[in-house]
């Protein structure tokens, strides 16, 4: 389901485009398909959202550039951990949320690819909200996050803290339900020590969702089969 969504999205890439390359398990399928199209003559340049994506793109011989060189991106293809009916997202399961949000912000169009398990009625039900924080006084930042009535945990790999590509920590915040995601996004980012949070509000233009019945396309509150 992830693969068919990714390959459908790659069909929308045209010659001459600057492409934002997202991060995550679904995007890996897209990168492979983009590499195949490049090998057949597709002329594009990609801007990766993580070191992991950069490595994969280089393996697939996708030409790369930077946001400093191209400050307007034609199309970004990225995944999501949760998608609601308004195309608001939770992202950051792969730890690249800050760079992903920067790339999305500078994109003319953001296309999300996912399987149907990521589509939810309300954000925060199935997936914790990742918040990237600076290492300095992170425990104090965590206490500030807990005031939002969520359970917070420092993300770890085995016994060591997970370190983002930016050299920061991630605190995963468990909400039962996020009823006002736009307000929460703004309030979390006002906490000193918070770099960015995984709420992507009003950034996605379209989602291509793979399901056992085929492809679904989500555009705001319109869902078409």
N, C-alpha and C. Protein backbone atom coordinates (compact mmCIF):
# COMPACT_ATOMS: atom_id res chain seq x y z
N UNK A 1 0.83 -1.20 0.00
CA UNK A 1 0.00 0.00 0.00
C UNK A 1 0.86 1.26 0.00
N UNK A 2 1.96 1.21 0.76
CA UNK A 2 2.88 2.35 0.76
C UNK A 2 3.51 2.52 -0.62
N UNK A 3 3.88 1.41 -1.22
CA UNK A 3 4.56 1.47 -2.51
C UNK A 3 3.66 2.03 -3.60
N UNK A 4 2.40 1.59 -3.66
CA UNK A 4 1.53 2.07 -4.73
C UNK A 4 1.23 3.57 -4.56
N UNK A 5 1.12 4.02 -3.32
CA UNK A 5 0.91 5.46 -3.08
C UNK A 5 2.14 6.25 -3.52
N UNK A 6 3.32 5.75 -3.18
CA UNK A 6 4.56 6.45 -3.52
C UNK A 6 4.75 6.52 -5.03
N UNK A 7 4.53 5.40 -5.72
CA UNK A 7 4.74 5.38 -7.16
C UNK A 7 3.73 6.25 -7.89
N UNK A 8 2.51 6.33 -7.38
CA UNK A 8 1.50 7.21 -7.97
C UNK A 8 1.93 8.67 -7.84
N UNK A 9 2.48 9.03 -6.70
CA UNK A 9 2.93 10.41 -6.47
C UNK A 9 4.06 10.78 -7.41
N UNK A 10 4.98 9.87 -7.64
CA UNK A 10 6.15 10.14 -8.48
C UNK A 10 5.73 10.42 -9.93
N UNK A 11 4.57 9.92 -10.34
CA UNK A 11 4.07 10.19 -11.68
C UNK A 11 3.84 11.69 -11.92
N UNK A 12 3.65 12.46 -10.85
CA UNK A 12 3.35 13.89 -10.97
C UNK A 12 4.60 14.75 -11.15
N UNK A 13 5.77 14.15 -11.03
CA UNK A 13 7.02 14.89 -11.18
C UNK A 13 7.28 15.16 -12.66
N UNK A 14 7.65 16.40 -12.98
CA UNK A 14 7.92 16.79 -14.36
C UNK A 14 9.34 17.31 -14.51
N UNK A 15 9.82 17.28 -15.74
CA UNK A 15 11.16 17.79 -16.05
C UNK A 15 11.33 19.22 -15.55
N UNK A 16 12.51 19.50 -15.01
CA UNK A 16 12.85 20.85 -14.59
C UNK A 16 12.44 21.19 -13.17
N UNK A 17 11.75 20.28 -12.50
CA UNK A 17 11.26 20.57 -11.15
C UNK A 17 12.36 20.48 -10.10
N UNK A 18 12.19 21.30 -9.06
CA UNK A 18 12.94 21.15 -7.82
C UNK A 18 12.02 20.38 -6.87
N UNK A 19 12.49 19.25 -6.37
CA UNK A 19 11.65 18.33 -5.61
C UNK A 19 12.14 18.23 -4.17
N UNK A 20 11.24 18.47 -3.21
CA UNK A 20 11.55 18.20 -1.81
C UNK A 20 11.41 16.72 -1.54
N UNK A 21 12.45 16.14 -0.98
CA UNK A 21 12.48 14.69 -0.73
C UNK A 21 12.29 14.43 0.76
N UNK A 22 11.13 13.88 1.11
CA UNK A 22 10.80 13.65 2.51
C UNK A 22 11.59 12.51 3.12
N UNK A 23 11.17 12.13 4.31
CA UNK A 23 11.87 11.09 5.09
C UNK A 23 10.86 10.07 5.58
N UNK A 24 11.28 8.80 5.62
CA UNK A 24 10.41 7.77 6.18
C UNK A 24 10.26 6.56 5.28
N UNK A 25 9.57 5.55 5.81
CA UNK A 25 9.46 4.27 5.12
C UNK A 25 8.70 4.36 3.81
N UNK A 26 7.68 5.20 3.73
CA UNK A 26 6.92 5.33 2.49
C UNK A 26 7.72 6.08 1.44
N UNK A 27 8.46 7.09 1.87
CA UNK A 27 9.26 7.90 0.95
C UNK A 27 10.37 7.07 0.31
N UNK A 28 10.83 6.05 0.98
CA UNK A 28 11.87 5.19 0.39
C UNK A 28 11.43 4.62 -0.95
N UNK A 29 10.14 4.24 -1.04
CA UNK A 29 9.62 3.73 -2.30
C UNK A 29 9.62 4.82 -3.37
N UNK A 30 9.29 6.04 -2.96
CA UNK A 30 9.28 7.16 -3.90
C UNK A 30 10.69 7.44 -4.41
N UNK A 31 11.67 7.42 -3.51
CA UNK A 31 13.05 7.68 -3.91
C UNK A 31 13.53 6.66 -4.94
N UNK A 32 13.18 5.42 -4.72
CA UNK A 32 13.57 4.36 -5.66
C UNK A 32 12.97 4.63 -7.04
N UNK A 33 11.69 5.00 -7.05
CA UNK A 33 11.00 5.25 -8.32
C UNK A 33 11.55 6.50 -8.99
N UNK A 34 11.86 7.53 -8.22
CA UNK A 34 12.46 8.74 -8.80
C UNK A 34 13.80 8.41 -9.43
N UNK A 35 14.59 7.59 -8.73
CA UNK A 35 15.87 7.17 -9.27
C UNK A 35 15.73 6.45 -10.60
N UNK A 36 14.70 5.61 -10.71
CA UNK A 36 14.45 4.89 -11.96
C UNK A 36 14.09 5.87 -13.08
N UNK A 37 13.30 6.89 -12.75
CA UNK A 37 12.91 7.88 -13.76
C UNK A 37 14.09 8.75 -14.16
N UNK A 38 14.94 9.08 -13.20
CA UNK A 38 16.15 9.85 -13.51
C UNK A 38 17.05 9.07 -14.46
N UNK A 39 17.18 7.78 -14.20
CA UNK A 39 18.01 6.93 -15.06
C UNK A 39 17.48 6.89 -16.49
N UNK A 40 16.17 7.13 -16.64
CA UNK A 40 15.55 7.12 -17.97
C UNK A 40 15.51 8.52 -18.59
N UNK A 41 16.09 9.52 -17.89
CA UNK A 41 16.20 10.84 -18.49
C UNK A 41 15.46 11.97 -17.80
N UNK A 42 14.75 11.68 -16.70
CA UNK A 42 14.05 12.75 -15.99
C UNK A 42 15.06 13.77 -15.45
N UNK A 43 14.82 15.05 -15.75
CA UNK A 43 15.74 16.11 -15.36
C UNK A 43 15.16 16.89 -14.18
N UNK A 44 15.56 16.52 -12.97
CA UNK A 44 15.09 17.20 -11.75
C UNK A 44 16.26 17.35 -10.78
N UNK A 45 16.02 18.14 -9.74
CA UNK A 45 16.96 18.21 -8.62
C UNK A 45 16.17 18.05 -7.33
N UNK A 46 16.74 17.32 -6.39
CA UNK A 46 16.06 17.05 -5.13
C UNK A 46 16.72 17.75 -3.96
N UNK A 47 15.89 18.11 -2.98
CA UNK A 47 16.40 18.68 -1.73
C UNK A 47 15.98 17.74 -0.60
N UNK A 48 16.90 17.01 0.01
CA UNK A 48 16.55 16.04 1.05
C UNK A 48 16.23 16.70 2.38
N UNK A 49 15.35 16.05 3.14
CA UNK A 49 14.95 16.57 4.45
C UNK A 49 15.71 15.91 5.60
N UNK A 50 16.60 15.00 5.29
CA UNK A 50 17.37 14.33 6.34
C UNK A 50 18.64 13.74 5.76
N UNK A 51 19.58 13.43 6.63
CA UNK A 51 20.80 12.76 6.20
C UNK A 51 20.50 11.38 5.62
N UNK A 52 19.52 10.71 6.21
CA UNK A 52 19.11 9.39 5.71
C UNK A 52 18.61 9.48 4.28
N UNK A 53 17.74 10.46 4.02
CA UNK A 53 17.21 10.63 2.67
C UNK A 53 18.31 11.03 1.70
N UNK A 54 19.22 11.89 2.14
CA UNK A 54 20.33 12.29 1.27
C UNK A 54 21.16 11.08 0.85
N UNK A 55 21.41 10.19 1.80
CA UNK A 55 22.19 8.99 1.50
C UNK A 55 21.48 8.12 0.47
N UNK A 56 20.17 7.90 0.68
CA UNK A 56 19.40 7.08 -0.26
C UNK A 56 19.35 7.72 -1.64
N UNK A 57 19.13 9.04 -1.68
CA UNK A 57 19.05 9.74 -2.96
C UNK A 57 20.36 9.61 -3.73
N UNK A 58 21.47 9.69 -3.03
CA UNK A 58 22.76 9.54 -3.69
C UNK A 58 22.94 8.12 -4.21
N UNK A 59 22.45 7.13 -3.46
CA UNK A 59 22.53 5.74 -3.92
C UNK A 59 21.73 5.55 -5.21
N UNK A 60 20.59 6.24 -5.30
CA UNK A 60 19.74 6.14 -6.49
C UNK A 60 20.13 7.14 -7.57
N UNK A 61 21.24 7.87 -7.34
CA UNK A 61 21.80 8.82 -8.31
C UNK A 61 20.81 9.92 -8.68
N UNK A 62 20.08 10.40 -7.68
CA UNK A 62 19.19 11.54 -7.86
C UNK A 62 20.01 12.82 -7.67
N UNK A 63 20.05 13.71 -8.63
CA UNK A 63 20.81 14.96 -8.47
C UNK A 63 20.26 15.78 -7.31
N UNK A 64 21.15 16.30 -6.48
CA UNK A 64 20.73 17.02 -5.29
C UNK A 64 21.15 18.48 -5.33
N UNK A 65 20.39 19.29 -4.61
CA UNK A 65 20.72 20.70 -4.44
C UNK A 65 20.33 21.09 -3.02
N UNK A 66 20.33 22.39 -2.73
CA UNK A 66 20.00 22.85 -1.38
C UNK A 66 18.95 23.96 -1.45
N UNK A 67 18.36 24.23 -0.30
CA UNK A 67 17.38 25.31 -0.21
C UNK A 67 18.06 26.67 -0.38
N UNK A 68 19.32 26.76 -0.03
CA UNK A 68 20.06 28.01 -0.24
C UNK A 68 20.20 28.32 -1.73
N UNK A 69 20.33 27.29 -2.54
CA UNK A 69 20.49 27.47 -3.98
C UNK A 69 19.14 27.64 -4.69
N UNK A 70 18.10 27.01 -4.14
CA UNK A 70 16.76 27.08 -4.73
C UNK A 70 15.77 27.29 -3.59
N UNK A 71 15.39 28.54 -3.36
CA UNK A 71 14.55 28.83 -2.20
C UNK A 71 13.05 28.65 -2.46
N UNK A 72 12.70 28.15 -3.64
CA UNK A 72 11.32 27.81 -3.96
C UNK A 72 11.29 26.40 -4.54
N UNK A 73 10.54 25.54 -3.89
CA UNK A 73 10.47 24.13 -4.28
C UNK A 73 9.16 23.89 -5.03
N UNK A 74 9.23 23.23 -6.17
CA UNK A 74 8.02 23.00 -6.97
C UNK A 74 7.07 22.00 -6.32
N UNK A 75 7.62 20.91 -5.84
CA UNK A 75 6.80 19.83 -5.27
C UNK A 75 7.60 19.09 -4.21
N UNK A 76 7.00 18.91 -3.05
CA UNK A 76 7.60 18.07 -2.01
C UNK A 76 6.75 16.82 -1.84
N UNK A 77 7.40 15.68 -1.81
CA UNK A 77 6.74 14.40 -1.55
C UNK A 77 7.23 13.89 -0.20
N UNK A 78 6.31 13.70 0.72
CA UNK A 78 6.70 13.30 2.07
C UNK A 78 5.63 12.38 2.66
N UNK A 79 5.97 11.72 3.74
CA UNK A 79 5.03 10.85 4.42
C UNK A 79 4.40 11.54 5.62
N UNK A 80 3.64 10.79 6.39
CA UNK A 80 3.02 11.33 7.60
C UNK A 80 2.73 10.18 8.55
N UNK A 81 2.69 10.51 9.84
CA UNK A 81 2.35 9.51 10.85
C UNK A 81 0.85 9.51 11.13
N UNK A 82 0.21 10.66 10.96
CA UNK A 82 -1.25 10.77 11.04
C UNK A 82 -1.72 11.85 10.08
N UNK A 83 -2.90 11.63 9.49
CA UNK A 83 -3.52 12.59 8.57
C UNK A 83 -4.99 12.72 8.95
N UNK A 84 -5.47 13.96 9.16
CA UNK A 84 -6.91 14.10 9.42
C UNK A 84 -7.63 14.60 8.16
N UNK A 85 -8.93 14.78 8.25
CA UNK A 85 -9.73 15.11 7.07
C UNK A 85 -9.44 16.50 6.52
N UNK A 86 -8.80 17.36 7.31
CA UNK A 86 -8.42 18.70 6.85
C UNK A 86 -6.99 18.73 6.32
N UNK A 87 -6.39 17.56 6.18
CA UNK A 87 -5.01 17.42 5.75
C UNK A 87 -4.02 18.04 6.72
N UNK A 88 -4.40 18.12 7.98
CA UNK A 88 -3.43 18.42 9.02
C UNK A 88 -2.71 17.13 9.37
N UNK A 89 -1.46 17.25 9.77
CA UNK A 89 -0.61 16.08 9.94
C UNK A 89 0.10 16.06 11.28
N UNK A 90 0.45 14.84 11.72
CA UNK A 90 1.52 14.64 12.69
C UNK A 90 2.65 13.97 11.94
N UNK A 91 3.84 14.58 12.05
CA UNK A 91 5.04 14.03 11.43
C UNK A 91 6.17 14.04 12.46
N UNK A 92 7.20 13.29 12.16
CA UNK A 92 8.37 13.28 13.04
C UNK A 92 8.73 11.92 13.59
N UNK A 93 8.01 10.89 13.14
CA UNK A 93 8.36 9.54 13.60
C UNK A 93 9.78 9.15 13.23
N UNK A 94 10.26 9.72 12.13
CA UNK A 94 11.63 9.45 11.70
C UNK A 94 12.63 10.45 12.26
N UNK A 95 12.13 11.44 12.98
CA UNK A 95 13.02 12.39 13.64
C UNK A 95 13.44 13.58 12.81
N UNK A 96 12.84 13.74 11.61
CA UNK A 96 13.28 14.81 10.71
C UNK A 96 12.28 15.96 10.64
N UNK A 97 11.44 16.12 11.65
CA UNK A 97 10.31 17.04 11.56
C UNK A 97 10.70 18.49 11.28
N UNK A 98 11.80 18.98 11.86
CA UNK A 98 12.16 20.38 11.65
C UNK A 98 12.55 20.66 10.21
N UNK A 99 13.41 19.83 9.67
CA UNK A 99 13.81 20.03 8.27
C UNK A 99 12.64 19.77 7.33
N UNK A 100 11.80 18.80 7.66
CA UNK A 100 10.62 18.53 6.84
C UNK A 100 9.68 19.74 6.81
N UNK A 101 9.51 20.40 7.95
CA UNK A 101 8.62 21.55 8.00
C UNK A 101 9.22 22.74 7.24
N UNK A 102 10.51 22.92 7.32
CA UNK A 102 11.17 23.99 6.57
C UNK A 102 10.97 23.78 5.07
N UNK A 103 11.20 22.56 4.62
CA UNK A 103 11.04 22.25 3.19
C UNK A 103 9.59 22.43 2.76
N UNK A 104 8.65 21.94 3.58
CA UNK A 104 7.22 22.07 3.25
C UNK A 104 6.82 23.54 3.14
N UNK A 105 7.32 24.36 4.05
CA UNK A 105 6.98 25.79 4.08
C UNK A 105 7.41 26.48 2.79
N UNK A 106 8.52 26.06 2.22
CA UNK A 106 9.06 26.70 1.03
C UNK A 106 8.63 26.00 -0.26
N UNK A 107 7.62 25.16 -0.19
CA UNK A 107 7.16 24.40 -1.36
C UNK A 107 5.88 24.98 -1.94
N UNK A 108 5.80 25.01 -3.26
CA UNK A 108 4.56 25.43 -3.93
C UNK A 108 3.45 24.42 -3.65
N UNK A 109 3.82 23.14 -3.60
CA UNK A 109 2.83 22.08 -3.38
C UNK A 109 3.45 20.98 -2.53
N UNK A 110 2.71 20.53 -1.53
CA UNK A 110 3.17 19.43 -0.67
C UNK A 110 2.22 18.25 -0.86
N UNK A 111 2.79 17.14 -1.30
CA UNK A 111 2.03 15.93 -1.56
C UNK A 111 2.42 14.88 -0.52
N UNK A 112 1.44 14.39 0.22
CA UNK A 112 1.68 13.40 1.27
C UNK A 112 1.34 12.01 0.75
N UNK A 113 2.20 11.06 1.04
CA UNK A 113 1.95 9.67 0.65
C UNK A 113 1.93 8.80 1.91
N UNK A 114 0.97 7.87 1.95
CA UNK A 114 0.81 7.04 3.15
C UNK A 114 -0.08 5.85 2.83
N UNK A 115 -0.14 4.91 3.77
CA UNK A 115 -1.16 3.86 3.69
C UNK A 115 -2.36 4.28 4.53
N UNK A 116 -3.47 3.59 4.38
CA UNK A 116 -4.72 4.06 4.99
C UNK A 116 -4.74 3.96 6.52
N UNK A 117 -3.77 3.29 7.12
CA UNK A 117 -3.72 3.23 8.58
C UNK A 117 -3.36 4.59 9.18
N UNK A 118 -2.83 5.51 8.35
CA UNK A 118 -2.41 6.82 8.84
C UNK A 118 -3.55 7.84 8.85
N UNK A 119 -4.68 7.50 8.24
CA UNK A 119 -5.82 8.43 8.19
C UNK A 119 -6.64 8.29 9.47
N UNK A 120 -6.81 9.40 10.19
CA UNK A 120 -7.49 9.37 11.50
C UNK A 120 -8.59 10.43 11.55
N UNK A 121 -9.53 10.23 12.47
CA UNK A 121 -10.59 11.22 12.65
C UNK A 121 -10.09 12.45 13.39
N UNK A 122 -9.12 12.24 14.27
CA UNK A 122 -8.56 13.35 15.04
C UNK A 122 -7.10 13.06 15.32
N UNK A 123 -6.26 14.07 15.23
CA UNK A 123 -4.83 13.89 15.46
C UNK A 123 -4.54 13.54 16.92
N UNK A 124 -3.49 12.77 17.12
CA UNK A 124 -3.04 12.43 18.47
C UNK A 124 -3.65 11.19 19.05
N UNK A 125 -4.55 10.55 18.32
CA UNK A 125 -5.23 9.37 18.86
C UNK A 125 -4.30 8.15 18.85
N UNK A 126 -3.60 7.96 17.73
CA UNK A 126 -2.80 6.74 17.56
C UNK A 126 -1.30 6.96 17.65
N UNK A 127 -0.86 8.23 17.54
CA UNK A 127 0.58 8.48 17.44
C UNK A 127 0.97 9.64 18.34
N UNK A 128 2.07 9.51 19.07
CA UNK A 128 2.52 10.63 19.92
C UNK A 128 3.01 11.79 19.07
N UNK A 129 2.91 12.98 19.60
CA UNK A 129 3.38 14.18 18.90
C UNK A 129 4.85 14.40 19.21
N UNK A 130 5.73 14.33 18.22
CA UNK A 130 7.15 14.59 18.47
C UNK A 130 7.42 16.08 18.59
N UNK A 131 8.26 16.44 19.55
CA UNK A 131 8.68 17.83 19.73
C UNK A 131 10.21 17.83 19.80
N UNK A 132 10.84 18.56 18.89
CA UNK A 132 12.30 18.66 18.90
C UNK A 132 12.72 19.77 19.86
N UNK A 133 13.64 19.44 20.77
CA UNK A 133 14.07 20.39 21.79
C UNK A 133 15.60 20.44 21.84
N UNK A 134 16.14 21.58 22.25
CA UNK A 134 17.59 21.67 22.43
C UNK A 134 18.00 20.85 23.64
N UNK A 135 19.23 20.38 23.65
CA UNK A 135 19.70 19.54 24.75
C UNK A 135 19.75 20.29 26.07
N UNK A 136 20.12 21.56 26.00
CA UNK A 136 20.29 22.35 27.22
C UNK A 136 18.97 22.42 27.99
N UNK A 137 19.01 22.01 29.25
CA UNK A 137 17.85 22.08 30.16
C UNK A 137 16.62 21.39 29.58
N UNK A 138 16.84 20.27 28.89
CA UNK A 138 15.70 19.60 28.25
C UNK A 138 14.69 19.10 29.26
N UNK A 139 15.14 18.77 30.47
CA UNK A 139 14.17 18.31 31.49
C UNK A 139 13.19 19.43 31.84
N UNK A 140 13.67 20.66 31.90
CA UNK A 140 12.79 21.80 32.18
C UNK A 140 11.80 22.00 31.03
N UNK A 141 12.29 21.83 29.81
CA UNK A 141 11.40 21.93 28.64
C UNK A 141 10.34 20.84 28.68
N UNK A 142 10.74 19.65 29.08
CA UNK A 142 9.80 18.53 29.19
C UNK A 142 8.70 18.85 30.20
N UNK A 143 9.06 19.44 31.33
CA UNK A 143 8.06 19.81 32.34
C UNK A 143 7.07 20.83 31.79
N UNK A 144 7.57 21.75 30.96
CA UNK A 144 6.68 22.73 30.34
C UNK A 144 5.71 22.06 29.37
N UNK A 145 6.20 21.06 28.65
CA UNK A 145 5.33 20.33 27.72
C UNK A 145 4.25 19.55 28.46
N UNK A 146 4.59 19.03 29.63
CA UNK A 146 3.64 18.23 30.40
C UNK A 146 2.45 19.06 30.90
N UNK A 147 2.60 20.37 30.91
CA UNK A 147 1.50 21.25 31.32
C UNK A 147 0.34 21.22 30.32
N UNK A 148 0.59 20.65 29.15
CA UNK A 148 -0.45 20.54 28.14
C UNK A 148 -1.25 19.23 28.30
N UNK A 149 -1.16 18.64 29.47
CA UNK A 149 -1.91 17.42 29.82
C UNK A 149 -1.60 16.28 28.86
N UNK A 150 -0.32 16.04 28.70
CA UNK A 150 0.14 14.92 27.89
C UNK A 150 1.26 14.20 28.63
N UNK A 151 1.46 12.94 28.29
CA UNK A 151 2.55 12.16 28.86
C UNK A 151 3.76 12.30 27.94
N UNK A 152 4.88 12.74 28.50
CA UNK A 152 6.06 13.05 27.69
C UNK A 152 7.21 12.09 28.01
N UNK A 153 7.91 11.69 26.95
CA UNK A 153 9.05 10.79 27.12
C UNK A 153 10.16 11.19 26.17
N UNK A 154 11.38 11.20 26.67
CA UNK A 154 12.53 11.46 25.82
C UNK A 154 12.72 10.27 24.89
N UNK A 155 12.80 10.53 23.59
CA UNK A 155 12.99 9.44 22.64
C UNK A 155 14.40 8.87 22.78
N UNK A 156 14.49 7.54 22.81
CA UNK A 156 15.78 6.89 22.97
C UNK A 156 15.97 5.79 21.93
N UNK A 157 17.23 5.50 21.65
CA UNK A 157 17.61 4.31 20.88
C UNK A 157 18.37 3.42 21.85
N UNK A 158 17.75 2.33 22.22
CA UNK A 158 18.25 1.50 23.31
C UNK A 158 18.32 2.37 24.57
N UNK A 159 19.50 2.60 25.12
CA UNK A 159 19.59 3.39 26.35
C UNK A 159 20.06 4.82 26.12
N UNK A 160 20.34 5.16 24.87
CA UNK A 160 20.88 6.49 24.57
C UNK A 160 19.81 7.39 23.95
N UNK A 161 19.83 8.68 24.25
CA UNK A 161 18.87 9.59 23.63
C UNK A 161 19.02 9.62 22.11
N UNK A 162 17.89 9.67 21.41
CA UNK A 162 17.90 9.86 19.97
C UNK A 162 18.39 11.28 19.67
N UNK A 163 19.30 11.40 18.72
CA UNK A 163 19.83 12.72 18.34
C UNK A 163 19.38 13.03 16.91
N UNK A 164 18.76 14.18 16.73
CA UNK A 164 18.31 14.57 15.39
C UNK A 164 19.50 15.00 14.54
N UNK A 165 19.25 15.18 13.24
CA UNK A 165 20.29 15.68 12.34
C UNK A 165 20.75 17.07 12.72
N UNK A 166 19.92 17.77 13.50
CA UNK A 166 20.27 19.11 13.96
C UNK A 166 21.01 19.09 15.30
N UNK A 167 21.24 17.89 15.84
CA UNK A 167 21.96 17.77 17.10
C UNK A 167 21.09 17.97 18.34
N UNK A 168 19.78 17.81 18.18
CA UNK A 168 18.84 18.02 19.28
C UNK A 168 18.20 16.72 19.75
N UNK A 169 17.40 16.82 20.82
CA UNK A 169 16.62 15.70 21.33
C UNK A 169 15.18 15.78 20.79
N UNK A 170 14.47 14.67 20.94
CA UNK A 170 13.03 14.65 20.65
C UNK A 170 12.29 14.15 21.87
N UNK A 171 11.25 14.88 22.24
CA UNK A 171 10.34 14.44 23.30
C UNK A 171 9.02 14.07 22.64
N UNK A 172 8.59 12.82 22.86
CA UNK A 172 7.33 12.34 22.30
C UNK A 172 6.21 12.56 23.32
N UNK A 173 5.16 13.25 22.87
CA UNK A 173 4.06 13.65 23.76
C UNK A 173 2.79 12.89 23.41
N UNK A 174 2.30 12.11 24.37
CA UNK A 174 1.09 11.30 24.17
C UNK A 174 -0.15 12.10 24.57
N UNK A 175 -0.98 12.39 23.57
CA UNK A 175 -2.27 13.01 23.81
C UNK A 175 -3.36 11.96 23.55
N UNK A 176 -4.47 12.04 24.26
CA UNK A 176 -5.60 11.19 23.91
C UNK A 176 -6.23 11.66 22.60
N UNK A 177 -6.19 12.98 22.41
CA UNK A 177 -6.78 13.58 21.22
C UNK A 177 -6.36 15.05 21.19
N UNK A 178 -6.01 15.53 20.02
CA UNK A 178 -5.64 16.94 19.87
C UNK A 178 -6.82 17.65 19.22
N UNK A 179 -7.57 18.38 20.00
CA UNK A 179 -8.82 18.97 19.51
C UNK A 179 -8.59 20.27 18.74
N UNK A 180 -7.55 21.01 19.09
CA UNK A 180 -7.25 22.28 18.41
C UNK A 180 -5.79 22.29 17.97
N UNK A 181 -5.48 21.57 16.90
CA UNK A 181 -4.07 21.41 16.51
C UNK A 181 -3.38 22.71 16.12
N UNK A 182 -4.10 23.63 15.48
CA UNK A 182 -3.47 24.89 15.06
C UNK A 182 -3.03 25.70 16.27
N UNK A 183 -3.87 25.77 17.28
CA UNK A 183 -3.52 26.51 18.49
C UNK A 183 -2.39 25.83 19.23
N UNK A 184 -2.44 24.51 19.31
CA UNK A 184 -1.40 23.76 20.02
C UNK A 184 -0.05 23.94 19.34
N UNK A 185 -0.03 23.90 18.02
CA UNK A 185 1.24 24.08 17.30
C UNK A 185 1.89 25.40 17.69
N UNK A 186 1.11 26.46 17.73
CA UNK A 186 1.65 27.77 18.05
C UNK A 186 2.10 27.86 19.51
N UNK A 187 1.32 27.30 20.41
CA UNK A 187 1.66 27.40 21.83
C UNK A 187 2.90 26.58 22.18
N UNK A 188 3.05 25.42 21.59
CA UNK A 188 4.24 24.61 21.85
C UNK A 188 5.50 25.33 21.39
N UNK A 189 5.43 25.98 20.23
CA UNK A 189 6.62 26.64 19.69
C UNK A 189 6.98 27.92 20.44
N UNK A 190 6.12 28.36 21.34
CA UNK A 190 6.43 29.54 22.16
C UNK A 190 7.25 29.18 23.40
N UNK A 191 7.41 27.88 23.68
CA UNK A 191 8.17 27.45 24.85
C UNK A 191 9.67 27.57 24.54
N UNK A 192 10.42 28.35 25.32
CA UNK A 192 11.88 28.40 25.11
C UNK A 192 12.48 27.00 25.26
N UNK A 193 13.31 26.63 24.31
CA UNK A 193 13.90 25.30 24.30
C UNK A 193 13.27 24.40 23.25
N UNK A 194 12.03 24.71 22.83
CA UNK A 194 11.39 23.96 21.74
C UNK A 194 11.89 24.50 20.42
N UNK A 195 12.40 23.61 19.58
CA UNK A 195 12.87 24.00 18.25
C UNK A 195 11.70 23.98 17.28
N UNK A 196 10.95 22.89 17.28
CA UNK A 196 9.81 22.73 16.38
C UNK A 196 9.00 21.54 16.85
N UNK A 197 7.72 21.50 16.48
CA UNK A 197 6.89 20.34 16.82
C UNK A 197 6.34 19.70 15.55
N UNK A 198 5.83 18.49 15.69
CA UNK A 198 5.42 17.69 14.54
C UNK A 198 4.03 17.93 14.03
N UNK A 199 3.36 18.99 14.46
CA UNK A 199 2.07 19.36 13.89
C UNK A 199 2.29 20.16 12.61
N UNK A 200 1.81 19.65 11.50
CA UNK A 200 1.91 20.32 10.21
C UNK A 200 0.51 20.79 9.84
N UNK A 201 0.25 22.07 10.05
CA UNK A 201 -1.09 22.63 9.88
C UNK A 201 -1.14 23.50 8.63
N UNK A 202 -2.02 23.16 7.71
CA UNK A 202 -2.20 23.96 6.51
C UNK A 202 -1.05 23.90 5.52
N UNK A 203 -0.18 22.93 5.64
CA UNK A 203 0.97 22.82 4.74
C UNK A 203 0.74 21.83 3.60
N UNK A 204 -0.03 20.77 3.86
CA UNK A 204 -0.25 19.75 2.84
C UNK A 204 -1.36 20.17 1.88
N UNK A 205 -1.15 19.93 0.60
CA UNK A 205 -2.15 20.25 -0.41
C UNK A 205 -2.97 19.04 -0.82
N UNK A 206 -2.35 17.87 -0.72
CA UNK A 206 -3.00 16.66 -1.21
C UNK A 206 -2.34 15.45 -0.57
N UNK A 207 -3.10 14.39 -0.39
CA UNK A 207 -2.54 13.13 0.10
C UNK A 207 -2.96 12.00 -0.82
N UNK A 208 -2.02 11.16 -1.15
CA UNK A 208 -2.31 9.94 -1.91
C UNK A 208 -2.15 8.78 -0.94
N UNK A 209 -3.24 8.07 -0.73
CA UNK A 209 -3.29 7.03 0.30
C UNK A 209 -3.52 5.67 -0.36
N UNK A 210 -2.63 4.74 -0.08
CA UNK A 210 -2.78 3.39 -0.59
C UNK A 210 -3.62 2.55 0.36
N UNK A 211 -4.57 1.80 -0.19
CA UNK A 211 -5.42 0.92 0.61
C UNK A 211 -5.61 -0.40 -0.13
N UNK A 212 -6.24 -1.35 0.54
CA UNK A 212 -6.50 -2.64 -0.10
C UNK A 212 -7.45 -2.49 -1.28
N UNK A 213 -8.23 -1.38 -1.30
CA UNK A 213 -9.14 -1.13 -2.41
C UNK A 213 -8.48 -0.34 -3.54
N UNK A 214 -7.24 0.08 -3.34
CA UNK A 214 -6.55 0.86 -4.35
C UNK A 214 -6.08 2.20 -3.80
N UNK A 215 -6.12 3.22 -4.64
CA UNK A 215 -5.64 4.55 -4.28
C UNK A 215 -6.79 5.46 -3.87
N UNK A 216 -6.63 6.15 -2.74
CA UNK A 216 -7.55 7.21 -2.35
C UNK A 216 -6.79 8.53 -2.42
N UNK A 217 -7.49 9.59 -2.86
CA UNK A 217 -6.91 10.92 -2.88
C UNK A 217 -7.67 11.80 -1.91
N UNK A 218 -6.93 12.43 -0.99
CA UNK A 218 -7.52 13.32 -0.01
C UNK A 218 -7.15 14.75 -0.34
N UNK A 219 -8.15 15.61 -0.43
CA UNK A 219 -7.92 17.04 -0.64
C UNK A 219 -8.87 17.79 0.26
N UNK A 220 -8.33 18.30 1.36
CA UNK A 220 -9.12 18.92 2.43
C UNK A 220 -10.21 17.96 2.86
N UNK A 221 -11.48 18.33 2.86
CA UNK A 221 -12.50 17.41 3.35
C UNK A 221 -13.14 16.60 2.23
N UNK A 222 -12.52 16.63 1.05
CA UNK A 222 -13.01 15.85 -0.08
C UNK A 222 -12.18 14.60 -0.23
N UNK A 223 -12.82 13.44 -0.25
CA UNK A 223 -12.12 12.19 -0.44
C UNK A 223 -12.69 11.53 -1.70
N UNK A 224 -11.83 11.19 -2.64
CA UNK A 224 -12.29 10.55 -3.87
C UNK A 224 -11.60 9.20 -4.04
N UNK A 225 -12.34 8.25 -4.57
CA UNK A 225 -11.81 6.88 -4.77
C UNK A 225 -11.24 6.76 -6.17
